[in-house]
Amino acid sequence: MEAENNHPELLVPFYSFALVLFFIYCYPIARITIALERRYAVKL
């Protein structure tokens, strides 16, 4: 599927921006998960 106004020069900046947004979204969730795992760790 070829877009009518294809701009390949925007491909890398767009995917970099999407990757940064993904990590901004995931990082706090990961930190909260680590804190919860420490708090409710099961001692075996």
PDB file of N, CA and C in Angstrom:
ATOM      1  N   MET A   1       0.846  -1.181   0.000  1.00  0.00           N
ATOM      2  CA  MET A   1       0.000   0.000   0.000  1.00  0.00           C
ATOM      3  C   MET A   1       0.889   1.241   0.000  1.00  0.00           C
ATOM      4  N   GLU A   2       0.884   1.963  -1.072  1.00  0.00           N
ATOM      5  CA  GLU A   2       1.735   3.130  -1.209  1.00  0.00           C
ATOM      6  C   GLU A   2       0.908   4.387  -0.940  1.00  0.00           C
ATOM      7  N   ALA A   3       1.380   5.205  -0.001  1.00  0.00           N
ATOM      8  CA  ALA A   3       0.686   6.458   0.289  1.00  0.00           C
ATOM      9  C   ALA A   3       0.937   7.451  -0.853  1.00  0.00           C
ATOM     10  N   GLU A   4      -0.011   8.341  -1.044  1.00  0.00           N
ATOM     11  CA  GLU A   4       0.114   9.296  -2.147  1.00  0.00           C
ATOM     12  C   GLU A   4       1.261  10.264  -1.902  1.00  0.00           C
ATOM     13  N   ASN A   5       1.345  10.807  -0.699  1.00  0.00           N
ATOM     14  CA  ASN A   5       2.429  11.733  -0.343  1.00  0.00           C
ATOM     15  C   ASN A   5       3.380  11.018   0.613  1.00  0.00           C
ATOM     16  N   ASN A   6       4.166  10.118   0.081  1.00  0.00           N
ATOM     17  CA  ASN A   6       5.073   9.323   0.897  1.00  0.00           C
ATOM     18  C   ASN A   6       6.309  10.154   1.239  1.00  0.00           C
ATOM     19  N   HIS A   7       6.644  10.206   2.543  1.00  0.00           N
ATOM     20  CA  HIS A   7       7.818  10.953   3.002  1.00  0.00           C
ATOM     21  C   HIS A   7       8.735  10.003   3.768  1.00  0.00           C
ATOM     22  N   PRO A   8       9.615   9.297   3.062  1.00  0.00           N
ATOM     23  CA  PRO A   8      10.487   8.339   3.767  1.00  0.00           C
ATOM     24  C   PRO A   8      11.441   9.011   4.747  1.00  0.00           C
ATOM     25  N   GLU A   9      11.724  10.310   4.561  1.00  0.00           N
ATOM     26  CA  GLU A   9      12.628  11.005   5.487  1.00  0.00           C
ATOM     27  C   GLU A   9      11.995  11.183   6.872  1.00  0.00           C
ATOM     28  N   LEU A  10      10.669  11.024   6.964  1.00  0.00           N
ATOM     29  CA  LEU A  10       9.996  11.145   8.260  1.00  0.00           C
ATOM     30  C   LEU A  10       9.849   9.805   8.969  1.00  0.00           C
ATOM     31  N   LEU A  11      10.258   8.728   8.322  1.00  0.00           N
ATOM     32  CA  LEU A  11      10.046   7.398   8.884  1.00  0.00           C
ATOM     33  C   LEU A  11      10.828   7.197  10.178  1.00  0.00           C
ATOM     34  N   VAL A  12      12.127   7.484  10.162  1.00  0.00           N
ATOM     35  CA  VAL A  12      12.952   7.280  11.358  1.00  0.00           C
ATOM     36  C   VAL A  12      12.527   8.217  12.490  1.00  0.00           C
ATOM     37  N   PRO A  13      12.307   9.522  12.243  1.00  0.00           N
ATOM     38  CA  PRO A  13      11.842  10.366  13.352  1.00  0.00           C
ATOM     39  C   PRO A  13      10.495   9.916  13.922  1.00  0.00           C
ATOM     40  N   PHE A  14       9.598   9.467  13.064  1.00  0.00           N
ATOM     41  CA  PHE A  14       8.291   9.026  13.553  1.00  0.00           C
ATOM     42  C   PHE A  14       8.421   7.793  14.431  1.00  0.00           C
ATOM     43  N   TYR A  15       9.180   6.799  13.981  1.00  0.00           N
ATOM     44  CA  TYR A  15       9.334   5.584  14.778  1.00  0.00           C
ATOM     45  C   TYR A  15      10.132   5.856  16.048  1.00  0.00           C
ATOM     46  N   SER A  16      11.097   6.778  15.996  1.00  0.00           N
ATOM     47  CA  SER A  16      11.818   7.165  17.212  1.00  0.00           C
ATOM     48  C   SER A  16      10.864   7.806  18.209  1.00  0.00           C
ATOM     49  N   PHE A  17       9.993   8.685  17.718  1.00  0.00           N
ATOM     50  CA  PHE A  17       9.000   9.336  18.573  1.00  0.00           C
ATOM     51  C   PHE A  17       8.048   8.307  19.173  1.00  0.00           C
ATOM     52  N   ALA A  18       7.596   7.347  18.371  1.00  0.00           N
ATOM     53  CA  ALA A  18       6.698   6.304  18.872  1.00  0.00           C
ATOM     54  C   ALA A  18       7.397   5.452  19.930  1.00  0.00           C
ATOM     55  N   LEU A  19       8.679   5.155  19.719  1.00  0.00           N
ATOM     56  CA  LEU A  19       9.438   4.367  20.689  1.00  0.00           C
ATOM     57  C   LEU A  19       9.592   5.127  22.005  1.00  0.00           C
ATOM     58  N   VAL A  20       9.884   6.424  21.920  1.00  0.00           N
ATOM     59  CA  VAL A  20      10.010   7.246  23.131  1.00  0.00           C
ATOM     60  C   VAL A  20       8.684   7.287  23.880  1.00  0.00           C
ATOM     61  N   LEU A  21       7.576   7.467  23.166  1.00  0.00           N
ATOM     62  CA  LEU A  21       6.267   7.470  23.830  1.00  0.00           C
ATOM     63  C   LEU A  21       5.987   6.136  24.506  1.00  0.00           C
ATOM     64  N   PHE A  22       6.358   5.037  23.851  1.00  0.00           N
ATOM     65  CA  PHE A  22       6.156   3.715  24.426  1.00  0.00           C
ATOM     66  C   PHE A  22       6.914   3.571  25.740  1.00  0.00           C
ATOM     67  N   PHE A  23       8.185   4.013  25.771  1.00  0.00           N
ATOM     68  CA  PHE A  23       8.967   3.886  26.998  1.00  0.00           C
ATOM     69  C   PHE A  23       8.468   4.834  28.082  1.00  0.00           C
ATOM     70  N   ILE A  24       8.009   6.033  27.700  1.00  0.00           N
ATOM     71  CA  ILE A  24       7.429   6.950  28.689  1.00  0.00           C
ATOM     72  C   ILE A  24       6.184   6.330  29.310  1.00  0.00           C
ATOM     73  N   TYR A  25       5.416   5.592  28.521  1.00  0.00           N
ATOM     74  CA  TYR A  25       4.217   4.920  29.016  1.00  0.00           C
ATOM     75  C   TYR A  25       4.567   3.723  29.897  1.00  0.00           C
ATOM     76  N   CYS A  26       5.560   2.938  29.496  1.00  0.00           N
ATOM     77  CA  CYS A  26       5.870   1.672  30.185  1.00  0.00           C
ATOM     78  C   CYS A  26       6.728   1.838  31.427  1.00  0.00           C
ATOM     79  N   TYR A  27       7.616   2.827  31.465  1.00  0.00           N
ATOM     80  CA  TYR A  27       8.572   2.924  32.563  1.00  0.00           C
ATOM     81  C   TYR A  27       7.899   3.068  33.927  1.00  0.00           C
ATOM     82  N   PRO A  28       6.919   3.970  34.099  1.00  0.00           N
ATOM     83  CA  PRO A  28       6.280   4.064  35.422  1.00  0.00           C
ATOM     84  C   PRO A  28       5.560   2.777  35.820  1.00  0.00           C
ATOM     85  N   ILE A  29       4.960   2.101  34.864  1.00  0.00           N
ATOM     86  CA  ILE A  29       4.277   0.836  35.160  1.00  0.00           C
ATOM     87  C   ILE A  29       5.298  -0.188  35.648  1.00  0.00           C
ATOM     88  N   ALA A  30       6.450  -0.243  35.014  1.00  0.00           N
ATOM     89  CA  ALA A  30       7.497  -1.181  35.426  1.00  0.00           C
ATOM     90  C   ALA A  30       7.996  -0.855  36.831  1.00  0.00           C
ATOM     91  N   ARG A  31       8.184   0.434  37.129  1.00  0.00           N
ATOM     92  CA  ARG A  31       8.670   0.818  38.460  1.00  0.00           C
ATOM     93  C   ARG A  31       7.639   0.478  39.535  1.00  0.00           C
ATOM     94  N   ILE A  32       6.362   0.729  39.265  1.00  0.00           N
ATOM     95  CA  ILE A  32       5.303   0.388  40.224  1.00  0.00           C
ATOM     96  C   ILE A  32       5.258  -1.118  40.433  1.00  0.00           C
ATOM     97  N   THR A  33       5.413  -1.877  39.363  1.00  0.00           N
ATOM     98  CA  THR A  33       5.406  -3.338  39.468  1.00  0.00           C
ATOM     99  C   THR A  33       6.553  -3.828  40.341  1.00  0.00           C
ATOM    100  N   ILE A  34       7.739  -3.262  40.160  1.00  0.00           N
ATOM    101  CA  ILE A  34       8.892  -3.657  40.982  1.00  0.00           C
ATOM    102  C   ILE A  34       8.622  -3.344  42.451  1.00  0.00           C
ATOM    103  N   ALA A  35       8.061  -2.170  42.723  1.00  0.00           N
ATOM    104  CA  ALA A  35       7.760  -1.798  44.110  1.00  0.00           C
ATOM    105  C   ALA A  35       6.730  -2.744  44.718  1.00  0.00           C
ATOM    106  N   LEU A  36       5.704  -3.087  43.968  1.00  0.00           N
ATOM    107  CA  LEU A  36       4.682  -4.003  44.476  1.00  0.00           C
ATOM    108  C   LEU A  36       5.253  -5.398  44.706  1.00  0.00           C
ATOM    109  N   GLU A  37       6.130  -5.851  43.814  1.00  0.00           N
ATOM    110  CA  GLU A  37       6.746  -7.166  43.997  1.00  0.00           C
ATOM    111  C   GLU A  37       7.614  -7.189  45.246  1.00  0.00           C
ATOM    112  N   ARG A  38       8.312  -6.076  45.529  1.00  0.00           N
ATOM    113  CA  ARG A  38       9.117  -6.018  46.751  1.00  0.00           C
ATOM    114  C   ARG A  38       8.224  -6.028  47.986  1.00  0.00           C
ATOM    115  N   ARG A  39       7.120  -5.283  47.926  1.00  0.00           N
ATOM    116  CA  ARG A  39       6.237  -5.172  49.086  1.00  0.00           C
ATOM    117  C   ARG A  39       5.560  -6.496  49.402  1.00  0.00           C
ATOM    118  N   TYR A  40       5.109  -7.198  48.377  1.00  0.00           N
ATOM    119  CA  TYR A  40       4.341  -8.429  48.590  1.00  0.00           C
ATOM    120  C   TYR A  40       5.132  -9.674  48.203  1.00  0.00           C
ATOM    121  N   ALA A  41       6.435  -9.634  48.446  1.00  0.00           N
ATOM    122  CA  ALA A  41       7.281 -10.778  48.102  1.00  0.00           C
ATOM    123  C   ALA A  41       6.929 -11.966  48.996  1.00  0.00           C
ATOM    124  N   VAL A  42       6.868 -13.144  48.398  1.00  0.00           N
ATOM    125  CA  VAL A  42       6.572 -14.367  49.140  1.00  0.00           C
ATOM    126  C   VAL A  42       7.892 -14.966  49.606  1.00  0.00           C
ATOM    127  N   LYS A  43       8.001 -15.142  50.917  1.00  0.00           N
ATOM    128  CA  LYS A  43       9.226 -15.724  51.481  1.00  0.00           C
ATOM    129  C   LYS A  43       9.096 -17.239  51.471  1.00  0.00           C
ATOM    130  N   LEU A  44       9.942 -17.898  50.700  1.00  0.00           N
ATOM    131  CA  LEU A  44       9.903 -19.364  50.636  1.00  0.00           C
ATOM    132  C   LEU A  44      11.040 -19.961  51.443  1.00  0.00           C
TER     133      LEU A  44
END
